[in-house]
Protein backbone atom coordinates (compact mmCIF):
# COMPACT_ATOMS: atom_id res chain seq x y z
CA MET A 1 0.00 0.00 0.00
CA GLU A 2 1.37 3.42 -0.94
CA TYR A 3 0.76 6.52 1.14
CA GLN A 4 0.67 9.93 -0.44
CA LEU A 5 -0.35 13.32 0.82
CA ASP A 6 -1.44 15.79 -1.84
CA LEU A 7 -0.16 19.24 -0.93
CA ARG A 8 -0.47 20.90 -4.33
CA GLY A 9 -1.57 24.46 -4.03
CA TRP A 10 -0.09 24.89 -0.56
CA LYS A 11 2.42 27.76 -0.35
CA LEU A 12 3.62 27.90 3.22
CA LYS A 13 6.42 30.31 4.10
CA LEU A 14 8.09 31.47 7.28
CA ARG A 15 6.74 34.91 8.22
CA ARG A 16 8.99 37.98 8.00
CA GLU A 17 8.53 39.05 11.63
CA ILE A 18 12.05 40.20 12.59
CA GLY A 19 12.51 43.96 12.36
CA LEU A 20 15.76 45.93 12.75
CA TRP A 21 15.74 46.15 16.55
CA SER A 22 14.67 42.56 16.95
CA ALA A 23 17.63 41.61 14.70
CA VAL A 24 19.97 43.73 16.86
CA SER A 25 18.49 42.03 19.92
CA LEU A 26 18.96 38.57 18.37
CA ILE A 27 22.65 39.23 17.65
CA ALA A 28 23.41 40.90 21.00
CA GLY A 29 21.25 38.38 22.85
CA CYS A 30 23.17 35.44 21.41
CA MET A 31 26.57 37.06 21.93
CA ILE A 32 25.96 38.09 25.55
CA GLY A 33 25.49 34.70 27.14
CA SER A 34 27.64 33.03 29.75
CA GLY A 35 30.99 33.92 28.17
CA ILE A 36 31.52 37.43 29.56
CA PHE A 37 30.72 36.12 33.05
CA MET A 38 32.99 33.05 32.83
CA SER A 39 35.60 33.45 30.04
CA PRO A 40 37.64 36.50 31.28
CA GLN A 41 39.54 34.25 33.67
CA GLY A 42 40.48 31.88 30.81
CA VAL A 43 41.67 34.75 28.61
CA LEU A 44 43.82 36.12 31.44
CA VAL A 45 45.28 32.68 32.26
CA TYR A 46 46.32 32.03 28.65
CA THR A 47 47.67 35.55 27.92
CA GLY A 48 49.48 35.94 31.25
CA SER A 49 48.83 39.67 31.72
CA PRO A 50 45.86 42.08 32.11
CA GLY A 51 47.00 44.31 29.24
CA ALA A 52 47.32 41.40 26.81
CA SER A 53 43.91 40.07 27.89
CA LEU A 54 42.28 43.43 27.07
CA VAL A 55 44.03 43.44 23.68
CA VAL A 56 42.64 39.94 23.01
CA TRP A 57 39.11 41.11 23.88
CA ALA A 58 39.45 44.13 21.57
CA VAL A 59 40.82 42.01 18.70
CA CYS A 60 38.00 39.48 19.22
CA GLY A 61 35.51 42.31 18.76
CA LEU A 62 37.36 43.49 15.66
CA LEU A 63 37.34 39.97 14.20
CA ALA A 64 33.62 39.61 14.90
CA THR A 65 32.98 42.97 13.21
CA MET A 66 35.03 42.12 10.13
CA GLY A 67 33.44 38.67 9.94
CA ALA A 68 29.99 40.27 10.15
CA LEU A 69 30.86 42.67 7.30
CA CYS A 70 31.86 39.71 5.13
CA TYR A 71 28.70 37.83 6.06
CA ALA A 72 26.58 40.88 5.26
CA GLU A 73 27.92 40.89 1.69
CA LEU A 74 27.33 37.14 1.38
CA GLY A 75 23.83 37.59 2.80
CA ALA A 76 23.05 40.13 0.08
CA LEU A 77 24.48 37.87 -2.66
CA VAL A 78 22.75 34.71 -1.34
CA PRO A 79 19.54 35.98 0.36
CA LYS A 80 18.64 32.67 2.01
CA SER A 81 18.43 31.52 5.61
CA GLY A 82 21.07 29.04 6.73
CA GLY A 83 24.18 31.19 7.11
CA GLU A 84 27.42 29.35 6.32
CA TYR A 85 25.59 26.30 5.00
CA ALA A 86 23.60 28.29 2.42
CA TYR A 87 26.70 30.18 1.19
CA ILE A 88 28.95 27.10 0.92
CA LEU A 89 26.18 25.14 -0.84
CA GLN A 90 25.69 27.91 -3.41
CA ILE A 91 29.40 28.41 -4.11
CA PHE A 92 31.36 25.22 -3.32
CA GLY A 93 28.66 22.63 -3.92
CA SER A 94 26.85 19.80 -2.21
CA LEU A 95 29.54 17.74 -0.44
CA PRO A 96 31.28 20.63 1.41
CA ALA A 97 27.87 22.02 2.38
CA PHE A 98 26.80 18.61 3.70
CA LEU A 99 29.95 18.31 5.84
CA VAL A 100 29.18 21.74 7.30
CA ILE A 101 25.59 20.82 8.12
CA TYR A 102 26.63 17.37 9.36
CA THR A 103 28.91 18.85 12.01
CA PHE A 104 26.63 21.83 12.66
CA VAL A 105 23.40 19.90 13.25
CA LEU A 106 24.87 16.88 15.06
CA LEU A 107 27.61 18.59 17.07
CA PHE A 108 28.24 22.33 16.86
CA ARG A 109 24.85 23.95 17.50
CA PRO A 110 23.44 21.34 19.92
CA ALA A 111 26.72 21.40 21.87
CA ALA A 112 26.50 25.19 22.12
CA ILE A 113 22.93 24.90 23.41
CA ALA A 114 24.02 22.20 25.88
CA ALA A 115 27.01 24.24 27.12
CA VAL A 116 25.05 27.43 27.73
CA SER A 117 22.09 25.58 29.27
CA LEU A 118 24.53 23.89 31.70
CA SER A 119 25.92 27.28 32.72
CA PHE A 120 22.30 28.50 33.10
CA ALA A 121 21.61 25.54 35.38
CA GLU A 122 24.73 26.21 37.46
CA TYR A 123 23.68 29.79 38.24
CA ALA A 124 19.97 28.94 38.62
CA VAL A 125 20.69 26.15 41.13
CA ALA A 126 23.45 27.94 43.09
CA PRO A 127 21.09 29.81 45.52
CA PHE A 128 19.64 26.46 46.64
CA TYR A 129 23.10 25.08 47.56
CA PRO A 130 24.78 27.94 49.49
CA GLY A 131 28.38 27.25 50.42
CA CYS A 132 28.63 24.11 48.29
CA SER A 133 31.75 23.91 46.14
CA SER A 134 30.09 21.38 43.83
CA MET A 135 26.40 20.86 43.13
CA PRO A 136 24.77 17.49 42.30
CA GLN A 137 25.31 16.74 38.63
CA ALA A 138 21.87 15.13 38.33
CA VAL A 139 20.24 18.37 39.47
CA LEU A 140 22.33 20.52 37.13
CA LYS A 141 21.61 18.36 34.12
CA GLY A 142 17.92 18.13 35.01
CA VAL A 143 17.61 21.92 35.13
CA ALA A 144 19.56 22.25 31.86
CA ALA A 145 17.25 19.73 30.19
CA THR A 146 14.18 21.59 31.50
CA CYS A 147 15.55 24.83 30.04
CA ILE A 148 15.98 23.20 26.63
CA LEU A 149 12.49 21.65 26.63
CA LEU A 150 10.83 24.88 27.75
CA LEU A 151 12.50 26.91 25.02
CA MET A 152 11.64 24.25 22.45
CA LEU A 153 7.97 24.68 23.37
CA VAL A 154 8.21 28.48 23.17
CA ASN A 155 9.83 28.37 19.72
CA CYS A 156 7.33 25.79 18.46
CA TRP A 157 4.40 27.86 19.69
CA SER A 158 5.30 31.19 18.08
CA SER A 159 8.30 32.78 16.38
CA ARG A 160 7.05 36.17 17.56
CA LEU A 161 6.93 34.96 21.19
CA ALA A 162 10.49 33.60 20.88
CA THR A 163 11.64 36.95 19.45
CA MET A 164 9.93 38.87 22.28
CA LEU A 165 11.63 36.63 24.84
CA THR A 166 14.99 37.36 23.21
CA ASN A 167 14.28 41.12 23.32
CA VAL A 168 13.37 41.04 27.04
CA CYS A 169 16.43 38.98 27.99
CA THR A 170 18.72 41.22 25.91
CA VAL A 171 17.53 44.35 27.72
CA ALA A 172 18.11 42.60 31.07
CA LYS A 173 21.60 41.40 30.21
CA VAL A 174 22.73 44.76 28.77
CA PHE A 175 21.47 46.44 31.95
CA SER A 176 23.41 43.94 34.09
CA LEU A 177 26.62 44.65 32.16
CA LEU A 178 26.05 48.40 32.61
CA VAL A 179 25.73 47.78 36.37
CA ILE A 180 29.14 46.05 36.36
CA VAL A 181 30.65 48.91 34.35
CA GLY A 182 29.12 51.49 36.70
CA GLY A 183 30.30 49.59 39.78
CA GLY A 184 33.85 49.59 38.45
CA ALA A 185 33.67 53.33 37.81
CA VAL A 186 32.49 53.95 41.41
CA VAL A 187 35.32 51.82 42.82
CA LEU A 188 37.84 53.74 40.71
CA GLY A 189 36.36 57.06 41.79
CA GLN A 190 36.70 56.07 45.45
CA GLY A 191 40.36 55.17 44.91
CA ARG A 192 39.82 51.54 45.97
CA GLY A 193 40.68 49.86 42.65
CA TYR A 194 43.62 47.52 41.96
CA THR A 195 45.38 49.96 39.62
CA GLU A 196 48.56 47.86 39.79
CA ALA A 197 47.07 45.65 37.08
CA PHE A 198 47.25 48.61 34.70
CA LEU A 199 50.63 49.96 35.88
CA PHE A 200 52.25 46.63 34.93
CA ALA A 201 49.70 45.77 32.26
CA PHE A 202 51.89 43.61 30.01
CA HIS A 203 54.14 41.99 32.60
CA ASN A 204 54.43 38.18 32.10
CA THR A 205 52.67 38.24 28.71
CA THR A 206 53.01 34.86 27.00
CA GLN A 207 54.98 34.51 23.77
CA GLN A 208 53.57 31.09 22.79
CA ALA A 209 51.40 31.12 19.67
CA GLY A 210 49.33 28.18 20.89
CA ARG A 211 48.47 29.83 24.23
CA ILE A 212 47.52 33.04 22.42
CA GLY A 213 45.28 30.98 20.15
CA MET A 214 43.62 29.33 23.17
CA ALA A 215 43.10 32.80 24.71
CA PHE A 216 41.32 33.82 21.52
CA TYR A 217 39.16 30.70 21.73
CA GLN A 218 38.03 31.76 25.21
CA GLY A 219 37.36 35.33 24.12
CA LEU A 220 35.69 34.46 20.82
CA TRP A 221 33.31 32.12 22.64
CA SER A 222 31.87 35.27 24.25
CA PHE A 223 31.39 36.79 20.78
CA ASP A 224 29.84 33.67 19.29
CA GLY A 225 26.44 34.55 17.85
CA TRP A 226 27.56 37.53 15.74
CA ASN A 227 26.42 35.60 12.64
CA ASN A 228 23.05 34.46 14.02
CA VAL A 229 20.94 36.88 11.99
CA ASN A 230 22.33 35.31 8.78
CA TYR A 231 20.57 32.09 9.77
CA VAL A 232 17.15 33.79 9.64
CA VAL A 233 17.43 36.09 6.60
CA GLU A 234 14.15 34.76 5.19
CA GLU A 235 12.36 35.97 8.35
CA LEU A 236 14.03 39.40 8.35
CA LYS A 237 12.08 42.46 7.24
CA ASN A 238 13.85 44.45 4.49
CA PRO A 239 16.89 42.10 4.74
CA LYS A 240 19.23 43.92 2.32
CA GLN A 241 19.21 47.01 4.54
CA ASN A 242 18.46 45.66 8.02
CA LEU A 243 21.07 42.89 7.87
CA VAL A 244 23.97 45.36 7.62
CA TRP A 245 22.50 47.85 10.10
CA ALA A 246 21.78 45.16 12.70
CA LEU A 247 25.36 43.85 12.53
CA MET A 248 26.91 47.31 12.69
CA ILE A 249 24.84 48.33 15.70
CA ALA A 250 25.02 45.14 17.76
CA ILE A 251 28.67 44.09 17.49
CA PRO A 252 30.38 47.43 18.36
CA LEU A 253 27.90 47.81 21.24
CA VAL A 254 28.75 44.39 22.66
CA THR A 255 32.51 44.87 22.11
CA SER A 256 32.46 48.18 24.02
CA LEU A 257 30.53 46.62 26.90
CA TYR A 258 32.91 43.65 27.07
CA LEU A 259 36.00 45.85 27.29
CA LEU A 260 34.48 48.04 30.01
CA VAL A 261 33.29 45.01 31.98
CA ASN A 262 36.78 43.45 31.85
CA ILE A 263 38.31 46.72 33.08
CA SER A 264 35.77 46.70 35.95
CA TYR A 265 36.76 43.12 36.85
CA LEU A 266 40.46 44.07 36.90
CA LEU A 267 39.78 47.13 39.08
CA VAL A 268 37.73 45.27 41.70
CA LEU A 269 39.42 41.85 41.89
CA SER A 270 43.07 41.17 42.66
CA PRO A 271 45.03 38.89 40.29
CA ASN A 272 44.85 36.01 42.82
CA GLU A 273 41.09 36.46 43.20
CA ILE A 274 40.64 36.41 39.43
CA LEU A 275 42.71 33.25 38.96
CA SER A 276 41.00 31.40 41.83
CA SER A 277 37.43 32.40 40.95
CA ASN A 278 35.10 29.99 39.16
CA ALA A 279 32.71 32.83 38.24
CA MET A 280 34.29 36.28 38.10
CA ALA A 281 30.98 38.12 37.93
CA VAL A 282 29.81 36.56 41.21
CA SER A 283 33.12 37.37 42.93
CA TRP A 284 32.83 40.93 41.63
CA GLY A 285 29.24 41.20 42.93
CA ASN A 286 30.21 39.96 46.40
CA GLN A 287 32.78 42.75 46.73
CA VAL A 288 30.88 45.65 45.15
CA LEU A 289 27.15 45.08 45.61
CA GLY A 290 27.13 43.74 49.15
CA ALA A 291 23.57 42.76 50.13
CA TRP A 292 22.53 43.13 46.48
CA ALA A 293 25.10 40.60 45.25
CA TRP A 294 22.26 38.16 44.46
CA LEU A 295 21.48 40.33 41.44
CA VAL A 296 24.56 39.00 39.63
CA PRO A 297 23.54 35.30 39.58
CA LEU A 298 20.04 36.43 38.57
CA ALA A 299 21.48 38.50 35.70
CA VAL A 300 23.65 35.58 34.54
CA THR A 301 20.65 33.25 34.69
CA LEU A 302 18.58 35.60 32.50
CA SER A 303 21.55 36.14 30.19
CA THR A 304 22.19 32.45 29.59
CA PHE A 305 18.47 31.70 29.23
CA GLY A 306 18.16 34.36 26.51
CA SER A 307 21.32 33.12 24.82
CA VAL A 308 20.01 29.54 24.68
CA ASN A 309 16.77 30.87 23.17
CA GLY A 310 18.60 32.81 20.44
CA THR A 311 20.88 29.88 19.67
CA PHE A 312 17.85 27.61 19.46
CA PHE A 313 16.03 30.04 17.14
CA GLY A 314 18.91 30.35 14.68
CA GLY A 315 20.17 26.75 14.89
CA SER A 316 16.81 25.21 14.09
CA ARG A 317 16.58 27.38 10.95
CA VAL A 318 19.85 25.94 9.63
CA CYS A 319 18.52 22.43 10.18
CA TYR A 320 15.30 23.43 8.39
CA VAL A 321 17.13 24.93 5.38
CA ALA A 322 19.43 21.89 5.04
CA ALA A 323 16.42 19.56 4.99
CA ARG A 324 14.80 21.76 2.34
CA GLU A 325 17.91 21.29 0.18
CA GLY A 326 17.85 17.48 0.64
CA HIS A 327 20.77 17.22 3.08
CA MET A 328 18.58 16.25 6.03
CA PRO A 329 15.38 14.18 6.29
CA GLN A 330 12.47 15.80 4.45
CA LEU A 331 10.39 16.06 7.63
CA LEU A 332 12.81 18.64 9.07
CA SER A 333 12.05 21.03 6.17
CA MET A 334 8.37 21.33 7.11
CA VAL A 335 6.59 23.98 9.18
CA HIS A 336 3.43 23.89 11.27
CA VAL A 337 0.44 24.63 9.05
CA HIS A 338 -1.08 27.10 11.55
CA ARG A 339 1.81 28.51 13.57
CA LEU A 340 4.32 28.62 10.69
CA THR A 341 7.20 27.51 12.91
CA PRO A 342 9.74 24.81 11.87
CA THR A 343 8.47 22.42 14.55
CA PRO A 344 10.29 19.23 13.40
CA ALA A 345 13.64 21.04 13.15
CA LEU A 346 13.14 22.53 16.62
CA ILE A 347 12.29 19.13 18.12
CA PHE A 348 15.29 17.49 16.44
CA THR A 349 17.69 20.22 17.63
CA ALA A 350 16.34 19.89 21.17
CA ALA A 351 16.70 16.08 21.10
CA VAL A 352 20.38 16.21 20.07
CA ALA A 353 21.10 18.93 22.66
CA LEU A 354 19.48 16.82 25.38
CA VAL A 355 21.73 13.89 24.46
CA LEU A 356 24.83 16.12 24.69
CA VAL A 357 23.75 17.49 28.09
CA ILE A 358 24.17 14.03 29.65
CA PRO A 359 28.00 13.78 29.36
CA GLY A 360 28.52 17.52 28.85
CA ASN A 361 30.69 19.90 30.85
CA PHE A 362 30.90 23.62 30.08
CA SER A 363 34.64 24.03 30.45
CA THR A 364 35.48 21.13 28.14
CA ILE A 365 33.18 22.24 25.34
CA VAL A 366 34.24 25.86 24.69
CA ASN A 367 37.69 25.43 23.11
CA PHE A 368 36.65 22.67 20.73
CA LEU A 369 33.47 24.47 19.64
CA SER A 370 35.57 27.53 18.83
CA PHE A 371 38.04 25.36 16.89
CA LEU A 372 35.23 23.81 14.83
CA GLY A 373 33.50 27.16 14.41
CA TRP A 374 36.54 28.90 12.96
CA MET A 375 37.11 26.07 10.52
CA THR A 376 33.61 26.79 9.20
CA TYR A 377 34.02 30.58 9.29
CA GLY A 378 37.28 30.36 7.33
CA THR A 379 35.63 28.21 4.65
CA THR A 380 32.75 30.69 4.42
CA ILE A 381 35.10 33.66 4.04
CA GLY A 382 36.77 31.63 1.25
CA CYS A 383 33.37 31.69 -0.51
CA LEU A 384 33.45 35.48 -0.57
CA LEU A 385 37.02 35.60 -1.93
CA TYR A 386 36.08 33.00 -4.57
CA LEU A 387 33.19 35.21 -5.72
CA ARG A 388 35.51 38.23 -5.83
CA ILE A 389 37.83 36.36 -8.21
CA LYS A 390 35.40 34.30 -10.32
CA LYS A 391 32.21 36.42 -10.26
CA LYS A 392 33.46 39.98 -10.39
CA ASN A 393 30.41 41.31 -12.24
CA LEU A 394 27.73 40.06 -9.83
CA PRO A 395 25.45 42.91 -8.66
CA ARG A 396 26.43 43.67 -5.07
CA PRO A 397 24.04 45.80 -3.00
CA TYR A 398 26.77 45.92 -0.34
CA LYS A 399 30.53 45.35 -0.67
CA VAL A 400 33.41 45.25 1.83
CA PRO A 401 37.05 46.08 0.97
CA THR A 402 38.88 42.92 -0.17
CA ILE A 403 41.49 43.33 2.58
CA ILE A 404 38.85 42.48 5.23
CA PRO A 405 38.04 38.94 4.00
CA VAL A 406 41.78 38.35 3.44
CA ILE A 407 42.52 39.28 7.08
CA MET A 408 39.63 37.12 8.26
CA LEU A 409 40.86 34.12 6.26
CA LEU A 410 44.38 34.46 7.70
CA ALA A 411 42.96 34.85 11.22
CA SER A 412 40.85 31.71 10.74
CA LEU A 413 43.90 29.73 9.58
CA TYR A 414 45.87 30.92 12.62
CA LEU A 415 43.07 30.07 15.06
CA VAL A 416 42.72 26.58 13.60
CA LEU A 417 46.40 25.69 13.14
CA ALA A 418 48.23 27.43 16.02
CA PRO A 419 46.71 25.41 18.90
CA ILE A 420 47.20 22.14 16.97
CA ILE A 421 50.87 22.87 16.23
CA ASP A 422 51.78 24.38 19.59
CA HIS A 423 49.58 22.32 21.93
CA PRO A 424 48.13 19.26 20.14
CA GLN A 425 45.27 17.48 21.90
CA ILE A 426 43.54 14.22 21.06
CA GLU A 427 40.16 15.99 20.95
CA PHE A 428 41.23 17.87 17.80
CA LEU A 429 41.78 14.50 16.11
CA TYR A 430 38.31 13.36 17.19
CA ILE A 431 36.78 16.44 15.55
CA PHE A 432 38.60 15.74 12.26
CA LEU A 433 37.52 12.09 12.34
CA PHE A 434 33.93 13.12 13.00
CA LEU A 435 34.12 15.54 10.06
CA LEU A 436 35.55 12.83 7.76
CA SER A 437 32.85 10.38 8.83
CA GLY A 438 30.37 12.66 7.07
CA ILE A 439 31.78 11.70 3.64
CA PRO A 440 30.45 8.08 3.57
CA VAL A 441 27.20 9.30 5.13
CA TYR A 442 26.84 11.84 2.30
CA PHE A 443 27.33 9.30 -0.48
CA LEU A 444 25.02 6.78 1.16
CA LEU A 445 22.10 9.03 2.10
CA VAL A 446 22.37 12.03 -0.24
CA TYR A 447 24.28 11.09 -3.39
CA PHE A 448 22.81 7.57 -3.80
CA GLN A 449 19.63 8.50 -1.87
CA CYS A 450 19.39 5.22 0.04
CA GLN A 451 16.17 5.90 1.94
CA PRO A 452 14.23 2.90 3.21
CA LYS A 453 10.44 2.74 2.82
CA TRP A 454 9.91 2.69 6.57
CA LEU A 455 11.51 6.15 6.74
CA GLN A 456 9.08 7.47 4.13
CA MET A 457 6.12 6.02 6.05
CA ALA A 458 7.45 7.42 9.33
CA THR A 459 7.78 10.83 7.68
CA LEU A 460 4.14 10.72 6.57
CA TYR A 461 2.84 9.65 9.97
CA LEU A 462 4.92 12.27 11.80
CA GLN A 463 3.82 14.89 9.29
CA LEU A 464 0.19 14.16 10.13
CA LEU A 465 0.88 13.94 13.87
CA LEU A 466 2.78 17.24 14.05
CA GLU A 467 0.49 19.01 11.52
CA VAL A 468 3.38 20.15 9.34
CA ALA A 469 3.76 20.62 5.58
CA PRO A 470 6.51 21.51 3.06
CA THR A 471 7.33 25.17 2.37
CA THR A 472 8.50 27.38 -0.45
CA LYS A 473 11.57 29.60 -0.17
CA ASN A 474 10.92 33.03 1.28
CA VAL A 475 13.43 34.92 -0.85
CA ASP A 476 13.06 38.42 -2.30
């Protein structure tokens, strides 16, 4: 018996509900997560000096800005959701694009959601275990899983509701960073700050390329999310204009806040306190805010919750676009017939993230996600340089100077190769092996299209159960 669902005449599309300020909020909301509250210590440890750590933070912001400029041009040339996947598919072809989506959907994005949800759980649970150096792992992972499931439901229910939640959390987290900046200014004005950190700013700075690369990994984790709006271009109002404006407003704003927050940390906390602290923001709050120190864990909880939501929102869209192009199961390319949300892609992303929460640990995830991320970013920047050489006459609504993608490509190569050469770790090999394992999977499932009948029947039944249907591309 053959099953067939006739959907001729249906023209479902994702709604364009993201305006300029919602796009700014999405970028800033994804960037300001747990990193600025946890990564400054890692940057300082790897660089060896306060001055060098501030330089790393500034360069991270510059790299994010230049990367965003390159992505804005690619977004105008390839006006599709999906970010790196969509650009690599259009320019380098099916196999490289599949390898990107293979690592992105099964490892990169779910691991990012798992890492940030675990940090959310750590801060959310901390008030219930005062004085405990370590909290029960079962409790932490249970709270992280609850966070993921709750945000899956929100995103499945309404894209507008998910966007509003991102906006609210972004306002809260920007306000919390301004409080830290203001607290540092008050301490400096009262003459109580540790100004020695700035008098000997570059003392003991490391000269090892690998350690500098690892410092950048820690800092760039805090900037991760600068490309999130490229994942949802088909839901962006007036994308050719708002894409560039959103990037140019959000990233300099976040970079400025990060630098000022790091200066505040260095003014309030001694070097020993910084190196011994598991959460610098909490240590800072205990010294500056006194009885109001509880506001810092609350701010971090809201910040990480909003960051998980933004990562969820963008990551599910990449999964959805890849399925639409035939690189993922067809079911994942469908949207709910009434709510117009990519429900199957959201459920799949949540399921993989929940699996990764079980063995996951925040500190062990960051460096290897950054390593994998910059491999992908470098390949994507290569797409732009390829178009500059081979497709010079393409109409470009927006164009960056060629020197910017060249610098970004060199920076990507450095960030990928320096830690491997200077400080090789077995985990880097595991990532390469995982990437290479995508090649036989591609030929089996995509090139030769070996899809069993039970999968087709399961797709039909799930389609009816979830009330979802295929879509058309929402491209201007």
